[in-house]
């Protein structure tokens, strides 16, 4: 890019955009990094997934207990409960009734992640006096403030600024301890969320390179004839405010060159896995909604991390959520724009988790969503929904504390009530996942105690157990929802019985094996609804001895012992 064009493209921002593999990136101009050496072993990563436009939470998480009211308020877009090949997917039969939800039928992949203990949902997330505006609402969520606040910095920027002070950007970076940017944002826009306090906001935009390799080859020098390859200002300007500013900008640009080269190196080192990311929504939706734009962003992050990138915070985006009209297909409310978006998020996140696992990175990465507002309870006459207030947040990863936090929304109201301030969610994730000091979160990042401090409306916030500080097995969560019971009687003569529980609808197989591992008898092979089931077993003709019976459902399997006597 020509120097003169670069100077024309300096907006108020703190990120440095360029592209890898055709995906625009913004490298955060990160102020500080001082506890780098001490935190060398802290390699956790936070990914923020922006659902641009305001997600309709009620067609993402369908309220099971209040389904009749849900249907009456939005009959033309309601996801079917029964009598349909495509109906909502019951999430978790072990939850209390006031937390029972069903997932959109195109969120099957997310259901699978939940059953593996890798997803948490938070209902009714918003802020007091929700603005209802895309632009202002987005700024509020990004700056980490309330409806009356106007911060020039964002909560992620303040986190990075406080966590790594006192080193200064760009003078101290990159350095031998930190070759990578602390924050990378996918796309060509610059978001307030990465802004830091007391920094000159600057961005470098390279939005449409032919390819990342070509971009790297062209980083040094410029095409302008008769201009110094380093673009040095005339000497007589050196001590002027203009000259100082120009030298600062050129230094910043040199840092961007260094970051671009570094990211290309780790991109090449990361290589590919055999994991296939989804590309196209397989059902009916407008052509513009069918391609999965989230997949390449997540694939790139997995590859950068595998190559050794130490970036701490990433931001990825998927748009199309402002569904005032044609949210669903008029002839099928389970298909259309919103259905495609739910499919894209669910399948891309499933592929991403599989990719991270294949690369040995699954325990390092956690993803959380953000959306400027939810949609109203009632639908409109255009098969859509209008701007609302609260909505759900999704959290993904091996380090989540899986489950559903919050009750299903009240379907008698016009808007979804706030149950949790969005700052509660992010403050608790910074504390429990990024291991940030609680005092810093309160004093320097969110300017208030949103973990256990006083609430404006009275009472106190309660800590939200969304992530775990020490990652352990998800087996207890899984075994509460999928389990095979002991048979009775045991030892058994002639007949016995056992129970099993499943948390998903689908095929269950239980096979009896002898002590050599040879299949002896198929005990169960049929589809079951979620819940607990009892099975009577006829042992006629089975020789006496020690046996194993094994249950399989999807990725779940469990075995128990049975002794047959005569």
Protein backbone atom coordinates (compact mmCIF):
# COMPACT_ATOMS: atom_id res chain seq x y z
CA UNK A 1 0.00 0.00 0.00
CA UNK A 2 1.28 3.49 -0.83
CA UNK A 3 2.40 5.69 2.04
CA UNK A 4 0.15 8.56 1.03
CA UNK A 5 -2.85 6.20 1.00
CA UNK A 6 -1.86 4.83 4.39
CA UNK A 7 -1.92 8.32 5.87
CA UNK A 8 -5.40 8.86 4.51
CA UNK A 9 -6.64 5.75 6.29
CA UNK A 10 -5.97 6.67 9.92
CA UNK A 11 -9.30 6.52 11.79
CA UNK A 12 -9.83 6.61 15.53
CA UNK A 13 -8.91 3.05 16.43
CA UNK A 14 -6.31 0.99 18.15
CA UNK A 15 -6.04 -1.99 15.87
CA UNK A 16 -3.80 -2.74 12.93
CA UNK A 17 -5.74 -4.55 10.21
CA UNK A 18 -4.31 -6.79 7.52
CA UNK A 19 -5.18 -10.24 6.19
CA UNK A 20 -4.09 -13.86 6.35
CA UNK A 21 -5.37 -16.37 3.83
CA UNK A 22 -7.79 -13.75 2.55
CA UNK A 23 -9.28 -13.06 6.01
CA UNK A 24 -8.92 -9.43 7.16
CA UNK A 25 -7.32 -9.19 10.60
CA UNK A 26 -6.70 -6.38 13.01
CA UNK A 27 -3.66 -6.61 15.25
CA UNK A 28 -4.36 -4.84 18.47
CA UNK A 29 -1.99 -1.99 19.24
CA UNK A 30 -1.44 -3.29 22.68
CA UNK A 31 -0.11 -0.94 25.28
CA UNK A 32 1.51 -3.03 27.72
CA UNK A 33 3.00 -6.28 28.57
CA UNK A 34 4.96 -6.29 31.65
CA UNK A 35 4.15 -9.47 33.40
CA UNK A 36 5.05 -11.42 30.33
CA UNK A 37 8.03 -13.21 31.74
CA UNK A 38 6.17 -14.09 34.93
CA UNK A 39 3.12 -15.25 32.98
CA UNK A 40 4.98 -17.32 30.44
CA UNK A 41 3.18 -20.46 31.58
CA UNK A 42 -0.27 -18.85 31.46
CA UNK A 43 -1.32 -19.68 27.94
CA UNK A 44 -5.11 -19.41 28.15
CA UNK A 45 -6.92 -17.81 25.24
CA UNK A 46 -10.26 -16.01 25.14
CA UNK A 47 -12.24 -15.78 21.90
CA UNK A 48 -15.12 -13.33 21.62
CA UNK A 49 -17.75 -14.35 19.07
CA UNK A 50 -19.82 -11.38 17.97
CA UNK A 51 -23.37 -12.14 16.78
CA UNK A 52 -23.83 -8.95 14.81
CA UNK A 53 -27.35 -7.55 14.66
CA UNK A 54 -29.07 -8.83 17.80
CA UNK A 55 -29.72 -12.57 18.12
CA UNK A 56 -33.25 -13.93 18.66
CA UNK A 57 -32.64 -15.93 21.80
CA UNK A 58 -36.16 -17.36 21.93
CA UNK A 59 -35.69 -19.25 18.67
CA UNK A 60 -32.23 -20.34 19.82
CA UNK A 61 -33.27 -21.60 23.26
CA UNK A 62 -36.98 -22.44 23.13
CA UNK A 63 -38.77 -22.23 26.52
CA UNK A 64 -40.13 -25.73 27.12
CA UNK A 65 -42.18 -24.98 30.24
CA UNK A 66 -43.85 -21.97 28.61
CA UNK A 67 -44.09 -23.41 25.12
CA UNK A 68 -47.82 -22.67 24.68
CA UNK A 69 -47.30 -18.99 25.52
CA UNK A 70 -44.20 -18.93 23.33
CA UNK A 71 -46.20 -20.31 20.41
CA UNK A 72 -49.10 -17.91 20.91
CA UNK A 73 -46.77 -14.88 20.91
CA UNK A 74 -44.89 -15.84 17.74
CA UNK A 75 -46.97 -18.45 15.93
CA UNK A 76 -45.65 -17.52 12.48
CA UNK A 77 -42.02 -18.18 13.43
CA UNK A 78 -42.31 -20.63 16.37
CA UNK A 79 -40.16 -23.75 16.30
CA UNK A 80 -42.42 -26.85 16.44
CA UNK A 81 -42.64 -28.92 19.58
CA UNK A 82 -43.93 -32.11 17.96
CA UNK A 83 -45.59 -33.54 14.85
CA UNK A 84 -42.71 -32.44 12.67
CA UNK A 85 -39.54 -33.98 11.31
CA UNK A 86 -37.81 -30.78 12.39
CA UNK A 87 -38.71 -29.86 15.95
CA UNK A 88 -36.82 -28.41 18.84
CA UNK A 89 -34.13 -30.55 20.47
CA UNK A 90 -34.63 -31.04 24.23
CA UNK A 91 -31.39 -29.85 25.81
CA UNK A 92 -31.16 -31.44 29.23
CA UNK A 93 -33.74 -33.59 31.00
CA UNK A 94 -31.91 -33.23 34.32
CA UNK A 95 -32.53 -29.49 34.61
CA UNK A 96 -35.35 -28.09 36.77
CA UNK A 97 -38.55 -27.21 34.89
CA UNK A 98 -37.92 -23.46 34.97
CA UNK A 99 -34.62 -23.97 33.13
CA UNK A 100 -35.76 -26.52 30.58
CA UNK A 101 -35.06 -25.34 27.03
CA UNK A 102 -35.06 -26.83 23.58
CA UNK A 103 -32.47 -26.01 20.94
CA UNK A 104 -33.29 -24.97 17.40
CA UNK A 105 -33.27 -28.13 15.22
CA UNK A 106 -30.20 -26.84 13.36
CA UNK A 107 -28.22 -26.68 16.61
CA UNK A 108 -27.67 -30.43 16.76
CA UNK A 109 -23.89 -29.96 16.78
CA UNK A 110 -24.17 -27.62 19.76
CA UNK A 111 -26.31 -30.19 21.54
CA UNK A 112 -23.51 -32.69 21.01
CA UNK A 113 -20.98 -30.28 22.51
CA UNK A 114 -23.28 -29.67 25.48
CA UNK A 115 -23.61 -33.41 26.12
CA UNK A 116 -19.81 -33.59 26.18
CA UNK A 117 -19.71 -30.88 28.86
CA UNK A 118 -18.34 -28.17 26.57
CA UNK A 119 -21.16 -25.57 26.49
CA UNK A 120 -22.81 -23.28 29.01
CA UNK A 121 -25.78 -20.96 28.44
CA UNK A 122 -26.65 -17.81 30.38
CA UNK A 123 -30.24 -16.60 30.05
CA UNK A 124 -31.48 -13.00 30.13
CA UNK A 125 -28.20 -11.12 29.67
CA UNK A 126 -28.47 -7.36 29.14
CA UNK A 127 -27.85 -4.07 30.97
CA UNK A 128 -30.19 -1.64 32.74
CA UNK A 129 -32.13 0.69 30.44
CA UNK A 130 -31.11 -1.22 27.33
CA UNK A 131 -30.58 1.23 24.49
CA UNK A 132 -32.02 -0.88 21.68
CA UNK A 133 -29.72 0.71 19.12
CA UNK A 134 -27.25 -1.32 17.11
CA UNK A 135 -24.44 1.22 17.25
CA UNK A 136 -24.85 2.55 20.76
CA UNK A 137 -25.74 -0.88 22.12
CA UNK A 138 -22.64 -2.41 20.57
CA UNK A 139 -20.49 0.37 22.03
CA UNK A 140 -21.93 -0.25 25.49
CA UNK A 141 -21.16 -3.97 25.38
CA UNK A 142 -17.69 -3.29 23.96
CA UNK A 143 -16.72 -0.49 26.34
CA UNK A 144 -17.88 -2.43 29.41
CA UNK A 145 -20.09 0.35 30.73
CA UNK A 146 -23.72 1.16 31.40
CA UNK A 147 -26.37 2.96 29.39
CA UNK A 148 -25.18 6.40 30.59
CA UNK A 149 -21.45 5.78 30.14
CA UNK A 150 -19.30 7.02 27.27
CA UNK A 151 -15.89 5.42 27.62
CA UNK A 152 -13.24 5.87 24.94
CA UNK A 153 -11.75 2.49 25.82
CA UNK A 154 -13.02 -1.08 25.77
CA UNK A 155 -13.03 -3.72 28.48
CA UNK A 156 -10.63 -6.04 26.63
CA UNK A 157 -8.26 -3.14 25.97
CA UNK A 158 -8.30 -2.19 29.65
CA UNK A 159 -7.76 -5.80 30.65
CA UNK A 160 -4.66 -6.05 28.47
CA UNK A 161 -3.44 -2.62 29.52
CA UNK A 162 -3.65 -3.43 33.22
CA UNK A 163 -2.52 -7.02 32.97
CA UNK A 164 0.72 -6.20 31.16
CA UNK A 165 1.70 -2.73 32.40
CA UNK A 166 4.11 -0.90 32.45
CA UNK A 167 5.60 -1.61 29.01
CA UNK A 168 4.41 0.77 26.31
CA UNK A 169 3.33 0.14 22.76
CA UNK A 170 4.84 0.62 20.22
CA UNK A 171 8.24 1.38 21.77
CA UNK A 172 8.57 -1.92 23.66
CA UNK A 173 6.99 -4.33 21.19
CA UNK A 174 7.39 -6.83 19.71
CA UNK A 175 10.14 -8.16 21.94
CA UNK A 176 11.91 -11.43 22.59
CA UNK A 177 9.36 -12.45 25.21
CA UNK A 178 6.32 -11.52 23.13
CA UNK A 179 6.61 -11.68 19.37
CA UNK A 180 2.85 -11.80 18.85
CA UNK A 181 0.12 -9.20 19.30
CA UNK A 182 -2.01 -9.67 22.40
CA UNK A 183 -5.23 -9.13 20.49
CA UNK A 184 -6.35 -10.01 16.96
CA UNK A 185 -9.70 -9.04 15.48
CA UNK A 186 -11.03 -10.70 12.36
CA UNK A 187 -12.59 -8.43 9.74
CA UNK A 188 -12.07 -4.98 8.35
CA UNK A 189 -13.78 -2.85 11.01
CA UNK A 190 -12.13 -1.61 14.18
CA UNK A 191 -14.02 -2.29 17.40
CA UNK A 192 -14.07 -0.23 20.57
CA UNK A 193 -13.64 -3.38 22.64
CA UNK A 194 -9.86 -3.38 22.03
CA UNK A 195 -9.29 0.32 22.72
CA UNK A 196 -7.09 1.18 25.65
CA UNK A 197 -6.91 4.29 27.76
CA UNK A 198 -4.17 6.90 27.24
CA UNK A 199 -3.15 5.64 23.81
CA UNK A 200 -3.10 7.38 20.44
CA UNK A 201 -5.78 5.56 18.44
CA UNK A 202 -4.37 4.41 15.10
CA UNK A 203 -5.13 1.76 12.50
CA UNK A 204 -3.50 0.46 9.36
CA UNK A 205 -5.90 -1.10 6.89
CA UNK A 206 -4.92 -3.66 4.28
CA UNK A 207 -8.28 -5.15 3.46
CA UNK A 208 -7.87 -6.86 0.11
CA UNK A 209 -4.48 -8.48 -0.48
CA UNK A 210 -4.18 -11.03 -3.26
CA UNK A 211 -2.75 -13.45 -0.74
CA UNK A 212 -0.95 -13.37 2.55
CA UNK A 213 2.33 -14.58 1.05
CA UNK A 214 2.28 -11.76 -1.48
CA UNK A 215 1.45 -9.32 1.30
CA UNK A 216 4.50 -10.36 3.28
CA UNK A 217 6.77 -10.04 0.24
CA UNK A 218 5.64 -6.47 -0.28
CA UNK A 219 5.91 -5.27 3.30
CA UNK A 220 9.32 -3.60 2.97
CA UNK A 221 9.41 -0.31 1.09
CA UNK A 222 6.77 1.37 -1.00
CA UNK A 223 6.03 2.00 -4.65
CA UNK A 224 6.12 5.78 -4.52
CA UNK A 225 8.82 7.08 -6.84
CA UNK A 226 11.40 9.47 -5.34
CA UNK A 227 10.26 8.81 -1.77
CA UNK A 228 12.61 7.34 0.82
CA UNK A 229 11.78 3.58 1.15
CA UNK A 230 11.27 4.15 4.86
CA UNK A 231 9.09 7.15 4.14
CA UNK A 232 11.14 9.39 6.45
CA UNK A 233 9.74 12.93 6.76
CA UNK A 234 11.96 15.88 5.73
CA UNK A 235 14.58 16.70 8.36
CA UNK A 236 13.26 20.21 8.96
CA UNK A 237 10.07 18.63 10.36
CA UNK A 238 11.88 16.37 12.84
CA UNK A 239 11.28 18.49 15.93
CA UNK A 240 7.84 19.71 14.95
CA UNK A 241 4.62 18.17 16.31
CA UNK A 242 3.90 16.93 12.78
CA UNK A 243 7.32 15.31 12.49
CA UNK A 244 7.03 13.60 15.85
CA UNK A 245 3.57 12.34 14.99
CA UNK A 246 4.78 11.12 11.60
CA UNK A 247 7.72 9.26 13.13
CA UNK A 248 5.33 7.68 15.65
CA UNK A 249 3.07 6.52 12.84
CA UNK A 250 5.97 5.15 10.80
CA UNK A 251 7.26 3.32 13.86
CA UNK A 252 3.81 1.86 14.39
CA UNK A 253 3.69 0.75 10.80
CA UNK A 254 7.06 -0.96 11.15
CA UNK A 255 5.65 -2.85 14.13
CA UNK A 256 2.75 -3.93 11.93
CA UNK A 257 5.22 -5.25 9.36
CA UNK A 258 6.95 -7.24 12.10
CA UNK A 259 3.65 -8.64 13.35
CA UNK A 260 2.58 -9.58 9.82
CA UNK A 261 5.78 -11.50 9.23
CA UNK A 262 5.51 -13.22 12.59
CA UNK A 263 1.90 -14.26 12.04
CA UNK A 264 2.76 -15.59 8.62
CA UNK A 265 5.51 -17.71 10.21
CA UNK A 266 3.20 -19.21 12.84
CA UNK A 267 0.48 -19.67 10.21
CA UNK A 268 2.87 -21.74 8.11
CA UNK A 269 4.09 -23.65 11.16
CA UNK A 270 0.55 -24.47 12.27
CA UNK A 271 -0.29 -26.67 9.31
CA UNK A 272 -3.67 -28.31 8.77
CA UNK A 273 -5.54 -31.15 10.44
CA UNK A 274 -8.01 -33.59 8.93
CA UNK A 275 -10.92 -31.79 10.61
CA UNK A 276 -13.47 -30.57 8.06
CA UNK A 277 -15.14 -27.23 8.73
CA UNK A 278 -18.69 -26.70 7.43
CA UNK A 279 -19.14 -24.38 4.48
CA UNK A 280 -22.79 -24.37 3.34
CA UNK A 281 -26.14 -24.52 5.14
CA UNK A 282 -27.81 -27.67 3.73
CA UNK A 283 -31.46 -26.57 3.99
CA UNK A 284 -33.56 -23.74 2.58
CA UNK A 285 -32.44 -20.16 3.21
CA UNK A 286 -31.70 -17.07 1.10
CA UNK A 287 -28.55 -17.51 -0.98
CA UNK A 288 -26.70 -14.82 0.96
CA UNK A 289 -27.20 -16.70 4.22
CA UNK A 290 -26.01 -20.13 3.14
CA UNK A 291 -22.22 -19.73 3.34
CA UNK A 292 -20.57 -20.22 6.72
CA UNK A 293 -18.36 -17.17 7.26
CA UNK A 294 -17.42 -18.21 10.79
CA UNK A 295 -15.62 -21.41 9.80
CA UNK A 296 -12.57 -19.85 8.10
CA UNK A 297 -12.05 -17.46 11.01
CA UNK A 298 -12.00 -20.25 13.58
CA UNK A 299 -9.87 -22.49 11.37
CA UNK A 300 -7.31 -19.70 11.10
CA UNK A 301 -7.18 -19.19 14.87
CA UNK A 302 -6.62 -22.91 15.46
CA UNK A 303 -3.78 -22.89 12.96
CA UNK A 304 -2.14 -19.75 14.41
CA UNK A 305 -2.27 -21.17 17.93
CA UNK A 306 -0.88 -24.50 16.75
CA UNK A 307 1.99 -22.64 15.10
CA UNK A 308 2.99 -21.03 18.37
CA UNK A 309 1.03 -17.77 18.38
CA UNK A 310 0.73 -16.43 21.95
CA UNK A 311 -2.05 -13.93 21.26
CA UNK A 312 -4.35 -13.80 24.29
CA UNK A 313 -7.64 -12.45 22.90
CA UNK A 314 -9.26 -13.00 19.50
CA UNK A 315 -12.50 -11.62 18.14
CA UNK A 316 -14.50 -13.34 15.40
CA UNK A 317 -17.75 -12.18 13.85
CA UNK A 318 -20.82 -13.47 12.10
CA UNK A 319 -23.55 -11.10 10.91
CA UNK A 320 -27.13 -11.31 9.70
CA UNK A 321 -28.95 -11.34 13.05
CA UNK A 322 -31.03 -8.18 12.48
CA UNK A 323 -34.00 -10.27 11.37
CA UNK A 324 -36.88 -7.78 11.14
CA UNK A 325 -38.23 -9.66 8.12
CA UNK A 326 -37.91 -13.18 6.70
CA UNK A 327 -36.22 -14.56 9.78
CA UNK A 328 -37.82 -17.87 8.80
CA UNK A 329 -39.13 -19.31 5.58
CA UNK A 330 -42.87 -18.57 5.36
CA UNK A 331 -43.65 -22.25 4.73
CA UNK A 332 -41.29 -23.66 7.39
CA UNK A 333 -40.29 -21.78 10.57
CA UNK A 334 -37.36 -24.16 11.13
CA UNK A 335 -35.53 -22.93 8.03
CA UNK A 336 -34.36 -19.57 6.77
CA UNK A 337 -31.90 -16.87 7.81
CA UNK A 338 -31.87 -17.50 11.55
CA UNK A 339 -31.80 -21.26 11.11
CA UNK A 340 -28.75 -20.93 8.87
CA UNK A 341 -27.01 -18.75 11.46
CA UNK A 342 -27.69 -21.27 14.23
CA UNK A 343 -26.34 -24.01 11.99
CA UNK A 344 -23.24 -21.99 11.13
CA UNK A 345 -22.39 -21.27 14.77
CA UNK A 346 -23.12 -24.80 16.00
CA UNK A 347 -21.26 -26.67 13.28
CA UNK A 348 -18.33 -24.24 13.11
CA UNK A 349 -17.85 -24.38 16.88
CA UNK A 350 -18.05 -28.18 16.80
CA UNK A 351 -15.37 -28.29 14.09
CA UNK A 352 -13.26 -25.76 15.99
CA UNK A 353 -13.40 -27.79 19.21
CA UNK A 354 -12.50 -30.93 17.25
CA UNK A 355 -9.62 -29.08 15.58
CA UNK A 356 -8.31 -27.78 18.90
CA UNK A 357 -8.53 -31.28 20.36
CA UNK A 358 -6.65 -32.76 17.42
CA UNK A 359 -3.91 -30.17 17.93
CA UNK A 360 -3.71 -30.69 21.70
CA UNK A 361 -5.04 -27.17 22.37
CA UNK A 362 -8.55 -27.86 23.65
CA UNK A 363 -7.77 -27.04 27.27
CA UNK A 364 -6.36 -23.61 26.41
CA UNK A 365 -9.25 -21.95 24.57
CA UNK A 366 -12.64 -20.63 25.67
CA UNK A 367 -15.17 -18.85 23.43
CA UNK A 368 -17.96 -16.50 24.57
CA UNK A 369 -20.61 -14.75 22.48
CA UNK A 370 -21.69 -11.13 22.45
CA UNK A 371 -24.71 -9.54 20.76
CA UNK A 372 -25.90 -5.97 21.22
CA UNK A 373 -29.43 -6.96 22.27
CA UNK A 374 -32.03 -9.70 21.95
CA UNK A 375 -35.35 -9.65 20.10
CA UNK A 376 -38.87 -9.05 21.36
CA UNK A 377 -41.05 -11.87 22.63
CA UNK A 378 -43.72 -11.42 19.97
CA UNK A 379 -43.00 -11.78 16.26
CA UNK A 380 -44.09 -9.28 13.62
CA UNK A 381 -46.17 -9.75 10.49
CA UNK A 382 -43.10 -10.05 8.27
CA UNK A 383 -41.98 -13.40 9.69
CA UNK A 384 -39.41 -11.59 11.78
CA UNK A 385 -38.65 -10.06 15.17
CA UNK A 386 -37.86 -6.52 16.26
CA UNK A 387 -35.21 -5.08 18.58
CA UNK A 388 -35.54 -6.24 22.16
CA UNK A 389 -33.47 -6.23 25.32
CA UNK A 390 -32.13 -9.38 26.95
CA UNK A 391 -30.92 -12.57 25.36
CA UNK A 392 -28.73 -15.62 25.98
CA UNK A 393 -24.95 -15.81 25.93
CA UNK A 394 -23.22 -19.02 24.81
CA UNK A 395 -19.88 -20.15 26.27
CA UNK A 396 -17.86 -22.92 24.60
CA UNK A 397 -14.78 -24.88 25.54
CA UNK A 398 -13.17 -27.65 27.52
CA UNK A 399 -12.86 -25.23 30.44
CA UNK A 400 -16.51 -24.25 30.80
CA UNK A 401 -18.67 -25.24 33.71
CA UNK A 402 -21.46 -26.74 31.57
CA UNK A 403 -25.15 -26.19 32.13
CA UNK A 404 -27.80 -23.47 31.99
CA UNK A 405 -27.63 -20.40 34.23
CA UNK A 406 -30.87 -18.46 34.63
CA UNK A 407 -34.53 -19.26 34.12
CA UNK A 408 -36.48 -19.34 30.88
CA UNK A 409 -37.84 -15.87 30.01
CA UNK A 410 -41.36 -14.81 31.01
CA UNK A 411 -43.50 -15.18 27.88
CA UNK A 412 -46.22 -12.85 29.16
CA UNK A 413 -43.97 -9.82 28.79
CA UNK A 414 -43.16 -7.79 25.69
CA UNK A 415 -39.41 -7.95 26.28
CA UNK A 416 -37.05 -10.43 27.87
CA UNK A 417 -36.17 -9.28 31.36
CA UNK A 418 -32.56 -8.89 32.42
CA UNK A 419 -31.44 -11.61 34.81
CA UNK A 420 -27.70 -10.95 34.50
CA UNK A 421 -25.73 -7.84 33.64
CA UNK A 422 -23.41 -8.63 30.74
CA UNK A 423 -20.51 -7.36 32.83
CA UNK A 424 -21.17 -10.17 35.32
CA UNK A 425 -20.49 -12.69 32.57
CA UNK A 426 -17.26 -11.14 31.32
CA UNK A 427 -15.96 -10.20 34.78
CA UNK A 428 -16.37 -13.78 35.99
CA UNK A 429 -14.68 -15.13 32.87
CA UNK A 430 -11.72 -12.80 33.37
CA UNK A 431 -11.45 -13.97 36.98
CA UNK A 432 -11.93 -17.69 36.50
CA UNK A 433 -10.61 -18.27 32.99
CA UNK A 434 -7.99 -15.58 32.37
CA UNK A 435 -7.04 -15.65 36.08
CA UNK A 436 -7.16 -11.86 36.44
CA UNK A 437 -6.93 -10.37 39.91
CA UNK A 438 -10.43 -9.56 41.14
CA UNK A 439 -9.41 -6.11 42.37
CA UNK A 440 -8.14 -5.19 38.91
CA UNK A 441 -11.39 -6.36 37.37
CA UNK A 442 -13.34 -4.17 39.78
CA UNK A 443 -11.18 -1.04 39.81
CA UNK A 444 -9.53 -0.92 36.40
CA UNK A 445 -11.58 -2.92 33.92
CA UNK A 446 -15.30 -2.66 34.72
CA UNK A 447 -15.18 0.19 37.26
CA UNK A 448 -17.46 -1.71 39.61
CA UNK A 449 -17.73 -5.05 41.36
CA UNK A 450 -19.87 -7.21 39.08
CA UNK A 451 -18.73 -10.44 40.71
CA UNK A 452 -20.11 -10.15 44.25
CA UNK A 453 -20.62 -6.43 44.78
CA UNK A 454 -23.84 -4.45 45.36
CA UNK A 455 -26.46 -4.29 42.62
CA UNK A 456 -27.96 -0.95 41.65
CA UNK A 457 -31.46 -2.36 42.09
CA UNK A 458 -30.62 -3.80 45.51
CA UNK A 459 -28.95 -6.91 46.83
CA UNK A 460 -25.63 -8.28 45.67
CA UNK A 461 -24.28 -9.93 42.54
CA UNK A 462 -23.57 -13.63 42.87
CA UNK A 463 -20.48 -15.20 41.26
CA UNK A 464 -21.31 -17.00 38.01
CA UNK A 465 -19.56 -20.37 37.76
CA UNK A 466 -19.06 -20.23 33.99
CA UNK A 467 -15.46 -21.39 33.73
CA UNK A 468 -13.13 -23.47 35.83
CA UNK A 469 -9.77 -22.27 37.08
CA UNK A 470 -8.45 -25.83 37.09
CA UNK A 471 -9.64 -28.05 34.25
CA UNK A 472 -10.74 -31.50 35.36
CA UNK A 473 -12.74 -34.33 33.85
CA UNK A 474 -16.21 -33.67 32.42
CA UNK A 475 -17.12 -37.25 33.30
CA UNK A 476 -19.34 -36.35 36.30
CA UNK A 477 -21.43 -33.99 34.13
CA UNK A 478 -21.72 -36.53 31.33
CA UNK A 479 -22.51 -39.45 33.64
CA UNK A 480 -25.36 -37.54 35.25
CA UNK A 481 -27.00 -37.38 31.83
CA UNK A 482 -25.86 -40.61 30.18
CA UNK A 483 -25.46 -43.65 32.39
CA UNK A 484 -25.96 -47.38 32.50
CA UNK A 485 -27.31 -48.85 35.73
CA UNK A 486 -26.41 -52.05 37.51
CA UNK A 487 -28.63 -55.00 36.69
CA UNK A 488 -30.82 -56.67 39.29
CA UNK A 489 -30.74 -59.42 40.25
CA UNK A 490 -27.03 -60.03 39.81
CA UNK A 491 -26.05 -62.88 39.81
CA UNK A 492 -29.06 -63.60 37.64
CA UNK A 493 -30.86 -66.80 36.72
CA UNK A 494 -33.22 -66.78 33.73
CA UNK A 495 -33.80 -63.06 33.66
CA UNK A 496 -32.59 -59.72 34.97
CA UNK A 497 -33.24 -56.03 34.41
CA UNK A 498 -31.29 -52.80 34.24
CA UNK A 499 -31.93 -49.10 33.72
CA UNK A 500 -30.15 -46.49 31.68
CA UNK A 501 -30.46 -42.75 31.23
CA UNK A 502 -29.92 -40.77 28.04
CA UNK A 503 -29.95 -37.02 27.54
CA UNK A 504 -30.61 -37.10 23.82
CA UNK A 505 -33.05 -38.68 21.42
CA UNK A 506 -31.42 -41.39 19.35
CA UNK A 507 -30.27 -44.95 18.86
CA UNK A 508 -29.20 -46.86 21.98
CA UNK A 509 -27.43 -50.19 21.72
CA UNK A 510 -26.64 -52.54 24.59
CA UNK A 511 -24.64 -55.67 23.77
CA UNK A 512 -23.80 -58.61 26.03
CA UNK A 513 -20.20 -59.92 25.73
CA UNK A 514 -18.62 -63.03 27.22
CA UNK A 515 -15.34 -62.88 29.12
CA UNK A 516 -13.33 -63.29 25.88
CA UNK A 517 -14.98 -60.20 24.38
CA UNK A 518 -17.17 -62.17 21.98
CA UNK A 519 -20.68 -60.69 21.39
CA UNK A 520 -23.25 -63.01 22.95
CA UNK A 521 -26.60 -61.26 22.65
CA UNK A 522 -28.00 -57.91 21.52
CA UNK A 523 -29.98 -56.67 24.52
CA UNK A 524 -31.13 -53.31 23.15
CA UNK A 525 -31.13 -51.71 19.71
CA UNK A 526 -33.74 -49.00 19.24
CA UNK A 527 -34.42 -45.27 19.43
CA UNK A 528 -35.22 -43.72 22.79
CA UNK A 529 -36.38 -40.32 23.97
CA UNK A 530 -34.32 -38.50 26.62
CA UNK A 531 -34.88 -39.76 30.15
CA UNK A 532 -34.54 -42.92 32.22
CA UNK A 533 -35.57 -46.27 30.77
CA UNK A 534 -35.93 -49.78 32.22
CA UNK A 535 -35.05 -52.91 30.25
CA UNK A 536 -35.96 -56.50 31.10
CA UNK A 537 -33.49 -59.09 29.82
CA UNK A 538 -34.29 -62.72 29.01
CA UNK A 539 -31.23 -64.86 29.78
CA UNK A 540 -32.68 -68.12 28.45
CA UNK A 541 -29.99 -70.07 26.64
CA UNK A 542 -27.12 -67.96 27.99
CA UNK A 543 -24.44 -70.25 29.52
CA UNK A 544 -23.41 -69.61 33.10
CA UNK A 545 -20.44 -67.34 33.50
CA UNK A 546 -19.15 -63.78 33.79
CA UNK A 547 -20.40 -61.30 31.20
CA UNK A 548 -20.06 -57.63 30.33
CA UNK A 549 -22.96 -55.60 29.00
CA UNK A 550 -22.03 -52.42 27.16
CA UNK A 551 -24.17 -49.40 26.26
CA UNK A 552 -23.38 -47.23 23.23
CA UNK A 553 -25.08 -43.99 22.24
CA UNK A 554 -23.18 -41.65 19.97
CA UNK A 555 -19.81 -41.00 21.59
CA UNK A 556 -20.98 -42.28 24.99
CA UNK A 557 -20.24 -45.80 26.11
CA UNK A 558 -20.29 -47.53 29.47
CA UNK A 559 -19.95 -51.13 30.66
CA UNK A 560 -21.21 -53.15 33.63
CA UNK A 561 -20.67 -56.72 34.84
CA UNK A 562 -23.30 -59.48 34.94
CA UNK A 563 -22.96 -62.98 36.38
CA UNK A 564 -25.28 -65.63 34.91
CA UNK A 565 -26.00 -68.72 37.01
CA UNK A 566 -28.14 -71.84 36.56
